[in-house]
Amino acid sequence: MWRDRSKNVVSGVALALFVISVAIGAAITLVLNNRAAMMLGLLAGVYLLFSIKVADQWEKVAVLRLGRFVGLRGPGIFHIIPIIDTLSRYVDQRIRVASVTAESTLTRDTVPVNVDAIVFWVVWNPEKSILEVEDFVQAITLSAQTGLRESIGRHELAQMITERESLGRELQRILDEKTNPWGITVQSVEIRDVRIPQALEDAMSRQAQAERERQARNILGQAETEISDKFSQAALTYQNNPVALHLRAMNMLYEAIKERGSMVIVPSSAVETMGLGGTLATAALGGAKAQ
């Protein structure tokens, strides 16, 4: 906010000069026994007390002489004419931050949201900000809040959640166009948080979960289709090549009985159809039982 320094508030430098002037007057009075010197010292101290002002390195202040603007002062020490000159409030020219909130604002797809944003701005022309705006801090805050609501109404909820940077740039452009005539530049706007009703958040979560399940089922069905195509191709190969089919059968039988402690029962008729003979089946089964 404003740094509120009244024109009647004295600075530390002015107070020190007042003390020095009074001390000098008192010393001259004691040495020369002249009361006029004491009075002059006291008057000079009072004058310096109200005429010497100090502005910090980052501050500017406007001097009004009989109500008319005569110039800016600061940073550092400066002099005014008491009673005739008055000072405006001190303007801080550092980068400043304003926090704005838009509560229960409807998006383009009629979803109520609460949005928090941060506005970074700086005064580049103190003269304009002092003379043309009554309270530019409040003006920045209210303009940012209004602009934020307008931007929310032009975007859908999905855009606000996924495209916060673009929303911030749009709001920064809107505010900068409005505040430049005031001598103020809006450097950036950051969307800090977008909150939606809890019921809607739960519904969106269920919708996302259902969508993921649908995608998983589609992927599984696609895999089954690809596997069936491979099986069809293999069947055509085995149909025209009995030796390959017999080798595949032997490999399957070996894979089934190679694990320790496993037992597989294969009918001899099934082995005979593969051309392996009853003897091979009996040996295989015996080896499986032995394991």
C-alpha atoms as a PDB file:
ATOM      1  CA  MET A   1       0.000   0.000   0.000  1.00  0.00           C
ATOM      2  CA  TRP A   2       0.925   3.638   0.117  1.00  0.00           C
ATOM      3  CA  ARG A   3       3.696   4.635   2.410  1.00  0.00           C
ATOM      4  CA  ASP A   4       1.634   7.109   4.383  1.00  0.00           C
ATOM      5  CA  ARG A   5       3.817  10.010   5.389  1.00  0.00           C
ATOM      6  CA  SER A   6       1.912  13.063   6.475  1.00  0.00           C
ATOM      7  CA  LYS A   7       3.297  16.506   5.643  1.00  0.00           C
ATOM      8  CA  ASN A   8       3.505  17.162   9.385  1.00  0.00           C
ATOM      9  CA  VAL A   9       5.696  14.154  10.127  1.00  0.00           C
ATOM     10  CA  VAL A  10       9.343  15.151  10.511  1.00  0.00           C
ATOM     11  CA  SER A  11      12.317  13.097   9.384  1.00  0.00           C
ATOM     12  CA  GLY A  12      15.215  12.020  11.531  1.00  0.00           C
ATOM     13  CA  VAL A  13      17.556  14.381   9.664  1.00  0.00           C
ATOM     14  CA  ALA A  14      15.272  17.368  10.308  1.00  0.00           C
ATOM     15  CA  LEU A  15      15.054  16.478  13.978  1.00  0.00           C
ATOM     16  CA  ALA A  16      18.840  16.272  14.196  1.00  0.00           C
ATOM     17  CA  LEU A  17      19.216  19.689  12.523  1.00  0.00           C
ATOM     18  CA  PHE A  18      16.662  21.119  14.933  1.00  0.00           C
ATOM     19  CA  VAL A  19      18.630  19.859  17.915  1.00  0.00           C
ATOM     20  CA  ILE A  20      21.886  21.184  16.435  1.00  0.00           C
ATOM     21  CA  SER A  21      20.398  24.641  15.786  1.00  0.00           C
ATOM     22  CA  VAL A  22      18.988  24.901  19.295  1.00  0.00           C
ATOM     23  CA  ALA A  23      22.310  23.720  20.739  1.00  0.00           C
ATOM     24  CA  ILE A  24      24.255  26.316  18.755  1.00  0.00           C
ATOM     25  CA  GLY A  25      21.859  29.051  19.829  1.00  0.00           C
ATOM     26  CA  ALA A  26      22.174  27.981  23.458  1.00  0.00           C
ATOM     27  CA  ALA A  27      25.967  27.942  23.235  1.00  0.00           C
ATOM     28  CA  ILE A  28      26.061  31.436  21.719  1.00  0.00           C
ATOM     29  CA  THR A  29      23.669  32.640  24.414  1.00  0.00           C
ATOM     30  CA  LEU A  30      25.899  31.299  27.179  1.00  0.00           C
ATOM     31  CA  VAL A  31      29.056  32.778  25.664  1.00  0.00           C
ATOM     32  CA  LEU A  32      27.745  36.207  24.611  1.00  0.00           C
ATOM     33  CA  ASN A  33      24.817  36.419  26.987  1.00  0.00           C
ATOM     34  CA  ASN A  34      22.634  37.288  24.008  1.00  0.00           C
ATOM     35  CA  ARG A  35      19.099  35.991  24.114  1.00  0.00           C
ATOM     36  CA  ALA A  36      18.490  37.013  20.507  1.00  0.00           C
ATOM     37  CA  ALA A  37      20.936  34.319  19.382  1.00  0.00           C
ATOM     38  CA  MET A  38      18.957  31.745  21.330  1.00  0.00           C
ATOM     39  CA  MET A  39      15.735  32.815  19.647  1.00  0.00           C
ATOM     40  CA  LEU A  40      17.352  32.780  16.199  1.00  0.00           C
ATOM     41  CA  GLY A  41      18.702  29.321  16.822  1.00  0.00           C
ATOM     42  CA  LEU A  42      15.291  28.119  17.977  1.00  0.00           C
ATOM     43  CA  LEU A  43      13.560  29.618  14.918  1.00  0.00           C
ATOM     44  CA  ALA A  44      16.142  28.127  12.568  1.00  0.00           C
ATOM     45  CA  GLY A  45      15.700  24.740  14.216  1.00  0.00           C
ATOM     46  CA  VAL A  46      11.911  24.892  13.866  1.00  0.00           C
ATOM     47  CA  TYR A  47      12.248  25.892  10.204  1.00  0.00           C
ATOM     48  CA  LEU A  48      14.640  23.035   9.467  1.00  0.00           C
ATOM     49  CA  LEU A  49      12.411  20.666  11.424  1.00  0.00           C
ATOM     50  CA  PHE A  50       9.535  21.156   8.974  1.00  0.00           C
ATOM     51  CA  SER A  51      11.445  21.950   5.758  1.00  0.00           C
ATOM     52  CA  ILE A  52      13.949  19.084   5.527  1.00  0.00           C
ATOM     53  CA  LYS A  53      12.539  15.841   4.143  1.00  0.00           C
ATOM     54  CA  VAL A  54      14.087  12.524   3.139  1.00  0.00           C
ATOM     55  CA  ALA A  55      12.992   9.986   0.534  1.00  0.00           C
ATOM     56  CA  ASP A  56      14.386   6.462   0.327  1.00  0.00           C
ATOM     57  CA  GLN A  57      16.332   5.233  -2.695  1.00  0.00           C
ATOM     58  CA  TRP A  58      13.249   3.659  -4.294  1.00  0.00           C
ATOM     59  CA  GLU A  59      10.833   6.517  -3.549  1.00  0.00           C
ATOM     60  CA  LYS A  60       9.540   9.612  -5.322  1.00  0.00           C
ATOM     61  CA  VAL A  61       7.267  12.322  -3.953  1.00  0.00           C
ATOM     62  CA  ALA A  62       5.464  15.231  -5.613  1.00  0.00           C
ATOM     63  CA  VAL A  63       5.827  18.773  -4.259  1.00  0.00           C
ATOM     64  CA  LEU A  64       2.744  21.003  -4.491  1.00  0.00           C
ATOM     65  CA  ARG A  65       3.303  24.743  -4.001  1.00  0.00           C
ATOM     66  CA  LEU A  66       0.061  26.454  -3.099  1.00  0.00           C
ATOM     67  CA  GLY A  67      -1.748  23.511  -4.621  1.00  0.00           C
ATOM     68  CA  ARG A  68       0.159  23.471  -7.921  1.00  0.00           C
ATOM     69  CA  PHE A  69       2.580  20.746  -8.969  1.00  0.00           C
ATOM     70  CA  VAL A  70       6.178  22.025  -9.069  1.00  0.00           C
ATOM     71  CA  GLY A  71       8.122  18.778  -9.444  1.00  0.00           C
ATOM     72  CA  LEU A  72       9.194  15.434  -8.051  1.00  0.00           C
ATOM     73  CA  ARG A  73      11.692  15.010  -5.251  1.00  0.00           C
ATOM     74  CA  GLY A  74      13.821  12.077  -4.137  1.00  0.00           C
ATOM     75  CA  PRO A  75      15.602   9.918  -3.502  1.00  0.00           C
ATOM     76  CA  GLY A  76      17.632  11.424  -0.685  1.00  0.00           C
ATOM     77  CA  ILE A  77      17.304  14.643   1.280  1.00  0.00           C
ATOM     78  CA  PHE A  78      15.358  17.614  -0.123  1.00  0.00           C
ATOM     79  CA  HIS A  79      13.977  20.950   1.013  1.00  0.00           C
ATOM     80  CA  ILE A  80      10.478  22.401   0.987  1.00  0.00           C
ATOM     81  CA  ILE A  81       8.986  25.680   2.157  1.00  0.00           C
ATOM     82  CA  PRO A  82       6.829  25.000   5.215  1.00  0.00           C
ATOM     83  CA  ILE A  83       3.127  25.926   4.983  1.00  0.00           C
ATOM     84  CA  ILE A  84       3.516  26.943   1.309  1.00  0.00           C
ATOM     85  CA  ASP A  85       4.663  23.555   0.023  1.00  0.00           C
ATOM     86  CA  THR A  86       2.873  20.279   0.623  1.00  0.00           C
ATOM     87  CA  LEU A  87       3.882  16.730  -0.276  1.00  0.00           C
ATOM     88  CA  SER A  88       1.934  13.944  -1.857  1.00  0.00           C
ATOM     89  CA  ARG A  89       2.199  10.421  -0.574  1.00  0.00           C
ATOM     90  CA  TYR A  90       5.504   8.732  -1.280  1.00  0.00           C
ATOM     91  CA  VAL A  91       5.507   6.457  -4.343  1.00  0.00           C
ATOM     92  CA  ASP A  92       7.401   3.177  -4.169  1.00  0.00           C
ATOM     93  CA  GLN A  93       8.998   2.447  -7.573  1.00  0.00           C
ATOM     94  CA  ARG A  94      10.019  -1.128  -6.825  1.00  0.00           C
ATOM     95  CA  ILE A  95       8.246  -4.106  -8.374  1.00  0.00           C
ATOM     96  CA  ARG A  96       5.100  -4.664  -6.368  1.00  0.00           C
ATOM     97  CA  VAL A  97       2.711  -7.591  -5.995  1.00  0.00           C
ATOM     98  CA  ALA A  98      -1.070  -7.598  -5.823  1.00  0.00           C
ATOM     99  CA  SER A  99      -3.073 -10.722  -5.013  1.00  0.00           C
ATOM    100  CA  VAL A 100      -6.505 -10.946  -6.660  1.00  0.00           C
ATOM    101  CA  THR A 101      -9.267 -13.524  -6.293  1.00  0.00           C
ATOM    102  CA  ALA A 102     -12.334 -14.326  -8.386  1.00  0.00           C
ATOM    103  CA  GLU A 103     -14.830 -16.428  -6.426  1.00  0.00           C
ATOM    104  CA  SER A 104     -17.705 -18.448  -7.911  1.00  0.00           C
ATOM    105  CA  THR A 105     -17.114 -17.109 -11.407  1.00  0.00           C
ATOM    106  CA  LEU A 106     -18.709 -19.001 -14.314  1.00  0.00           C
ATOM    107  CA  THR A 107     -16.490 -20.238 -17.115  1.00  0.00           C
ATOM    108  CA  ARG A 108     -17.556 -20.344 -20.745  1.00  0.00           C
ATOM    109  CA  ASP A 109     -19.031 -23.826 -20.198  1.00  0.00           C
ATOM    110  CA  THR A 110     -20.910 -22.579 -17.079  1.00  0.00           C
ATOM    111  CA  VAL A 111     -18.705 -24.160 -14.425  1.00  0.00           C
ATOM    112  CA  PRO A 112     -18.301 -22.133 -11.195  1.00  0.00           C
ATOM    113  CA  VAL A 113     -14.627 -21.760 -10.274  1.00  0.00           C
ATOM    114  CA  ASN A 114     -12.533 -19.929  -7.694  1.00  0.00           C
ATOM    115  CA  VAL A 115      -9.336 -18.497  -9.190  1.00  0.00           C
ATOM    116  CA  ASP A 116      -6.380 -16.923  -7.383  1.00  0.00           C
ATOM    117  CA  ALA A 117      -3.880 -14.812  -9.328  1.00  0.00           C
ATOM    118  CA  ILE A 118      -0.807 -12.681  -8.603  1.00  0.00           C
ATOM    119  CA  VAL A 119      -0.124  -9.422 -10.460  1.00  0.00           C
ATOM    120  CA  PHE A 120       3.422  -8.021 -10.685  1.00  0.00           C
ATOM    121  CA  TRP A 121       3.462  -4.296 -11.499  1.00  0.00           C
ATOM    122  CA  VAL A 122       5.727  -1.265 -11.239  1.00  0.00           C
ATOM    123  CA  VAL A 123       5.288   2.525 -11.320  1.00  0.00           C
ATOM    124  CA  TRP A 124       7.417   3.894 -14.171  1.00  0.00           C
ATOM    125  CA  ASN A 125       6.024   7.452 -14.118  1.00  0.00           C
ATOM    126  CA  PRO A 126       5.343   8.695 -10.569  1.00  0.00           C
ATOM    127  CA  GLU A 127       4.026  12.031 -11.816  1.00  0.00           C
ATOM    128  CA  LYS A 128       1.151  10.418 -13.736  1.00  0.00           C
ATOM    129  CA  SER A 129       0.348   7.938 -10.976  1.00  0.00           C
ATOM    130  CA  ILE A 130       0.145  10.753  -8.393  1.00  0.00           C
ATOM    131  CA  LEU A 131      -1.705  13.384 -10.412  1.00  0.00           C
ATOM    132  CA  GLU A 132      -4.065  11.261 -12.518  1.00  0.00           C
ATOM    133  CA  VAL A 133      -5.172   8.480 -10.126  1.00  0.00           C
ATOM    134  CA  GLU A 134      -6.541   9.015  -6.642  1.00  0.00           C
ATOM    135  CA  ASP A 135      -5.391   5.626  -5.303  1.00  0.00           C
ATOM    136  CA  PHE A 136      -3.560   3.651  -7.970  1.00  0.00           C
ATOM    137  CA  VAL A 137      -2.999   0.656  -5.681  1.00  0.00           C
ATOM    138  CA  GLN A 138      -6.727   0.135  -5.263  1.00  0.00           C
ATOM    139  CA  ALA A 139      -7.249   0.842  -8.965  1.00  0.00           C
ATOM    140  CA  ILE A 140      -4.765  -1.888  -9.903  1.00  0.00           C
ATOM    141  CA  THR A 141      -6.409  -4.398  -7.561  1.00  0.00           C
ATOM    142  CA  LEU A 142      -9.959  -3.728  -8.733  1.00  0.00           C
ATOM    143  CA  SER A 143      -8.949  -3.678 -12.421  1.00  0.00           C
ATOM    144  CA  ALA A 144      -7.118  -6.985 -12.024  1.00  0.00           C
ATOM    145  CA  GLN A 145     -10.115  -8.566 -10.324  1.00  0.00           C
ATOM    146  CA  THR A 146     -12.493  -7.368 -13.049  1.00  0.00           C
ATOM    147  CA  GLY A 147     -10.137  -8.458 -15.837  1.00  0.00           C
ATOM    148  CA  LEU A 148      -9.719 -11.874 -14.219  1.00  0.00           C
ATOM    149  CA  ARG A 149     -13.478 -12.411 -14.153  1.00  0.00           C
ATOM    150  CA  GLU A 150     -13.772 -11.383 -17.800  1.00  0.00           C
ATOM    151  CA  SER A 151     -10.986 -13.785 -18.818  1.00  0.00           C
ATOM    152  CA  ILE A 152     -12.623 -16.643 -16.906  1.00  0.00           C
ATOM    153  CA  GLY A 153     -15.892 -16.050 -18.747  1.00  0.00           C
ATOM    154  CA  ARG A 154     -14.130 -16.329 -22.123  1.00  0.00           C
ATOM    155  CA  HIS A 155     -12.431 -19.675 -21.395  1.00  0.00           C
ATOM    156  CA  GLU A 156     -13.672 -23.171 -20.761  1.00  0.00           C
ATOM    157  CA  LEU A 157     -12.686 -25.095 -17.654  1.00  0.00           C
ATOM    158  CA  ALA A 158     -10.281 -27.407 -19.487  1.00  0.00           C
ATOM    159  CA  GLN A 159      -8.460 -24.411 -20.979  1.00  0.00           C
ATOM    160  CA  MET A 160      -8.110 -22.740 -17.598  1.00  0.00           C
ATOM    161  CA  ILE A 161      -6.609 -25.855 -16.043  1.00  0.00           C
ATOM    162  CA  THR A 162      -4.219 -26.732 -18.868  1.00  0.00           C
ATOM    163  CA  GLU A 163      -3.433 -23.274 -20.279  1.00  0.00           C
ATOM    164  CA  ARG A 164      -2.767 -21.100 -17.237  1.00  0.00           C
ATOM    165  CA  GLU A 165       0.160 -19.328 -18.877  1.00  0.00           C
ATOM    166  CA  SER A 166      -1.914 -18.146 -21.841  1.00  0.00           C
ATOM    167  CA  LEU A 167      -4.644 -16.951 -19.467  1.00  0.00           C
ATOM    168  CA  GLY A 168      -2.040 -15.019 -17.470  1.00  0.00           C
ATOM    169  CA  ARG A 169      -0.584 -13.419 -20.620  1.00  0.00           C
ATOM    170  CA  GLU A 170      -4.048 -12.365 -21.783  1.00  0.00           C
ATOM    171  CA  LEU A 171      -4.840 -10.784 -18.425  1.00  0.00           C
ATOM    172  CA  GLN A 172      -1.441  -9.052 -18.371  1.00  0.00           C
ATOM    173  CA  ARG A 173      -2.112  -7.517 -21.793  1.00  0.00           C
ATOM    174  CA  ILE A 174      -5.571  -6.289 -20.754  1.00  0.00           C
ATOM    175  CA  LEU A 175      -4.290  -4.703 -17.540  1.00  0.00           C
ATOM    176  CA  ASP A 176      -1.220  -3.165 -19.165  1.00  0.00           C
ATOM    177  CA  GLU A 177      -3.352  -1.372 -21.757  1.00  0.00           C
ATOM    178  CA  LYS A 178      -5.502   0.052 -18.960  1.00  0.00           C
ATOM    179  CA  THR A 179      -2.721   1.074 -16.555  1.00  0.00           C
ATOM    180  CA  ASN A 180      -0.140   2.525 -18.966  1.00  0.00           C
ATOM    181  CA  PRO A 181      -1.905   5.922 -19.063  1.00  0.00           C
ATOM    182  CA  TRP A 182      -1.515   5.966 -15.270  1.00  0.00           C
ATOM    183  CA  GLY A 183       2.258   5.574 -15.495  1.00  0.00           C
ATOM    184  CA  ILE A 184       2.092   1.950 -14.372  1.00  0.00           C
ATOM    185  CA  THR A 185       3.253  -1.179 -16.167  1.00  0.00           C
ATOM    186  CA  VAL A 186       1.879  -4.648 -15.416  1.00  0.00           C
ATOM    187  CA  GLN A 187       4.883  -6.921 -15.962  1.00  0.00           C
ATOM    188  CA  SER A 188       3.232 -10.323 -15.545  1.00  0.00           C
ATOM    189  CA  VAL A 189       0.201 -12.137 -14.179  1.00  0.00           C
ATOM    190  CA  GLU A 190       0.447 -15.646 -12.742  1.00  0.00           C
ATOM    191  CA  ILE A 191      -2.570 -17.887 -12.131  1.00  0.00           C
ATOM    192  CA  ARG A 192      -1.837 -19.447  -8.776  1.00  0.00           C
ATOM    193  CA  ASP A 193      -4.783 -21.785  -8.281  1.00  0.00           C
ATOM    194  CA  VAL A 194      -8.006 -22.890  -9.998  1.00  0.00           C
ATOM    195  CA  ARG A 195     -10.505 -24.561  -7.672  1.00  0.00           C
ATOM    196  CA  ILE A 196     -13.739 -26.256  -8.721  1.00  0.00           C
ATOM    197  CA  PRO A 197     -16.637 -27.645  -6.603  1.00  0.00           C
ATOM    198  CA  GLN A 198     -15.877 -30.939  -4.861  1.00  0.00           C
ATOM    199  CA  ALA A 199     -18.812 -32.760  -6.476  1.00  0.00           C
ATOM    200  CA  LEU A 200     -17.631 -31.751  -9.927  1.00  0.00           C
ATOM    201  CA  GLU A 201     -14.081 -32.758  -9.081  1.00  0.00           C
ATOM    202  CA  ASP A 202     -15.296 -36.234  -8.040  1.00  0.00           C
ATOM    203  CA  ALA A 203     -17.323 -36.568 -11.240  1.00  0.00           C
ATOM    204  CA  MET A 204     -14.313 -35.576 -13.354  1.00  0.00           C
ATOM    205  CA  SER A 205     -12.194 -38.120 -11.497  1.00  0.00           C
ATOM    206  CA  ARG A 206     -14.700 -40.897 -12.210  1.00  0.00           C
ATOM    207  CA  GLN A 207     -14.895 -39.826 -15.842  1.00  0.00           C
ATOM    208  CA  ALA A 208     -11.108 -39.939 -16.177  1.00  0.00           C
ATOM    209  CA  GLN A 209     -11.019 -43.393 -14.559  1.00  0.00           C
ATOM    210  CA  ALA A 210     -13.707 -44.678 -16.931  1.00  0.00           C
ATOM    211  CA  GLU A 211     -11.788 -43.271 -19.871  1.00  0.00           C
ATOM    212  CA  ARG A 212      -8.613 -45.044 -18.759  1.00  0.00           C
ATOM    213  CA  GLU A 213     -10.524 -48.338 -18.389  1.00  0.00           C
ATOM    214  CA  ARG A 214     -11.990 -47.915 -21.878  1.00  0.00           C
ATOM    215  CA  GLN A 215      -8.539 -47.341 -23.316  1.00  0.00           C
ATOM    216  CA  ALA A 216      -7.214 -50.402 -21.487  1.00  0.00           C
ATOM    217  CA  ARG A 217     -10.024 -52.580 -22.904  1.00  0.00           C
ATOM    218  CA  ASN A 218      -9.378 -51.241 -26.409  1.00  0.00           C
ATOM    219  CA  ILE A 219      -5.688 -52.035 -26.097  1.00  0.00           C
ATOM    220  CA  LEU A 220      -6.499 -55.551 -24.809  1.00  0.00           C
ATOM    221  CA  GLY A 221      -8.928 -56.165 -27.680  1.00  0.00           C
ATOM    222  CA  GLN A 222      -6.377 -54.950 -30.206  1.00  0.00           C
ATOM    223  CA  ALA A 223      -3.793 -57.306 -28.709  1.00  0.00           C
ATOM    224  CA  GLU A 224      -6.223 -60.246 -28.933  1.00  0.00           C
ATOM    225  CA  THR A 225      -6.865 -59.424 -32.581  1.00  0.00           C
ATOM    226  CA  GLU A 226      -3.176 -59.321 -33.350  1.00  0.00           C
ATOM    227  CA  ILE A 227      -2.616 -62.647 -31.525  1.00  0.00           C
ATOM    228  CA  SER A 228      -5.451 -64.342 -33.409  1.00  0.00           C
ATOM    229  CA  ASP A 229      -3.982 -63.116 -36.693  1.00  0.00           C
ATOM    230  CA  LYS A 230      -0.630 -64.613 -35.767  1.00  0.00           C
ATOM    231  CA  PHE A 231      -2.307 -67.908 -34.813  1.00  0.00           C
ATOM    232  CA  SER A 232      -4.113 -67.988 -38.169  1.00  0.00           C
ATOM    233  CA  GLN A 233      -0.825 -67.481 -39.989  1.00  0.00           C
ATOM    234  CA  ALA A 234       0.809 -70.226 -37.902  1.00  0.00           C
ATOM    235  CA  ALA A 235      -2.060 -72.619 -38.625  1.00  0.00           C
ATOM    236  CA  LEU A 236      -1.568 -72.122 -42.356  1.00  0.00           C
ATOM    237  CA  THR A 237       2.140 -72.825 -41.956  1.00  0.00           C
ATOM    238  CA  TYR A 238       1.566 -75.998 -39.905  1.00  0.00           C
ATOM    239  CA  GLN A 239      -1.134 -77.185 -42.332  1.00  0.00           C
ATOM    240  CA  ASN A 240       1.298 -77.220 -45.235  1.00  0.00           C
ATOM    241  CA  ASN A 241       4.320 -78.433 -43.208  1.00  0.00           C
ATOM    242  CA  PRO A 242       3.656 -81.519 -40.963  1.00  0.00           C
ATOM    243  CA  VAL A 243       7.297 -81.672 -39.822  1.00  0.00           C
ATOM    244  CA  ALA A 244       7.036 -78.173 -38.366  1.00  0.00           C
ATOM    245  CA  LEU A 245       3.852 -79.193 -36.556  1.00  0.00           C
ATOM    246  CA  HIS A 246       5.569 -82.278 -35.056  1.00  0.00           C
ATOM    247  CA  LEU A 247       8.539 -80.179 -33.901  1.00  0.00           C
ATOM    248  CA  ARG A 248       6.168 -77.696 -32.301  1.00  0.00           C
ATOM    249  CA  ALA A 249       4.369 -80.536 -30.490  1.00  0.00           C
ATOM    250  CA  MET A 250       7.637 -81.902 -29.153  1.00  0.00           C
ATOM    251  CA  ASN A 251       8.648 -78.445 -27.969  1.00  0.00           C
ATOM    252  CA  MET A 252       5.332 -77.948 -26.188  1.00  0.00           C
ATOM    253  CA  LEU A 253       5.689 -81.337 -24.499  1.00  0.00           C
ATOM    254  CA  TYR A 254       9.224 -80.529 -23.409  1.00  0.00           C
ATOM    255  CA  GLU A 255       8.193 -77.151 -22.011  1.00  0.00           C
ATOM    256  CA  ALA A 256       5.421 -78.828 -20.041  1.00  0.00           C
ATOM    257  CA  ILE A 257       7.632 -81.445 -18.356  1.00  0.00           C
ATOM    258  CA  LYS A 258      10.913 -79.591 -17.868  1.00  0.00           C
ATOM    259  CA  GLU A 259       9.878 -77.898 -14.626  1.00  0.00           C
ATOM    260  CA  ARG A 260      10.855 -79.854 -11.520  1.00  0.00           C
ATOM    261  CA  GLY A 261       7.983 -81.572  -9.776  1.00  0.00           C
ATOM    262  CA  SER A 262       5.514 -81.157 -12.642  1.00  0.00           C
ATOM    263  CA  MET A 263       3.540 -83.976 -14.178  1.00  0.00           C
ATOM    264  CA  VAL A 264       1.697 -83.918 -17.494  1.00  0.00           C
ATOM    265  CA  ILE A 265      -0.613 -86.718 -18.715  1.00  0.00           C
ATOM    266  CA  VAL A 266      -0.884 -86.908 -22.504  1.00  0.00           C
ATOM    267  CA  PRO A 267      -3.053 -89.591 -24.171  1.00  0.00           C
ATOM    268  CA  SER A 268      -1.017 -91.912 -26.383  1.00  0.00           C
ATOM    269  CA  SER A 269      -3.521 -91.358 -29.158  1.00  0.00           C
ATOM    270  CA  ALA A 270      -2.678 -87.658 -29.158  1.00  0.00           C
ATOM    271  CA  VAL A 271       1.029 -88.427 -29.424  1.00  0.00           C
ATOM    272  CA  GLU A 272       0.398 -90.982 -32.188  1.00  0.00           C
ATOM    273  CA  THR A 273      -1.419 -88.367 -34.220  1.00  0.00           C
ATOM    274  CA  MET A 274       1.707 -86.274 -34.030  1.00  0.00           C
ATOM    275  CA  GLY A 275       3.722 -89.205 -35.485  1.00  0.00           C
ATOM    276  CA  LEU A 276       5.786 -89.757 -32.381  1.00  0.00           C
ATOM    277  CA  GLY A 277       4.656 -93.362 -31.600  1.00  0.00           C
ATOM    278  CA  GLY A 278       3.533 -94.985 -28.362  1.00  0.00           C
ATOM    279  CA  THR A 279       7.097 -95.717 -27.234  1.00  0.00           C
ATOM    280  CA  LEU A 280       8.061 -92.038 -27.244  1.00  0.00           C
ATOM    281  CA  ALA A 281       4.921 -91.145 -25.306  1.00  0.00           C
ATOM    282  CA  THR A 282       5.644 -93.792 -22.676  1.00  0.00           C
ATOM    283  CA  ALA A 283       9.257 -92.624 -22.318  1.00  0.00           C
ATOM    284  CA  ALA A 284       8.176 -88.999 -22.028  1.00  0.00           C
ATOM    285  CA  LEU A 285       5.574 -89.767 -19.436  1.00  0.00           C
ATOM    286  CA  GLY A 286       8.012 -91.906 -17.493  1.00  0.00           C
ATOM    287  CA  GLY A 287      10.571 -89.119 -17.508  1.00  0.00           C
ATOM    288  CA  ALA A 288       7.954 -86.652 -16.288  1.00  0.00           C
ATOM    289  CA  LYS A 289       6.977 -88.910 -13.387  1.00  0.00           C
ATOM    290  CA  ALA A 290      10.605 -89.505 -12.494  1.00  0.00           C
ATOM    291  CA  GLN A 291      11.105 -85.743 -12.181  1.00  0.00           C
END
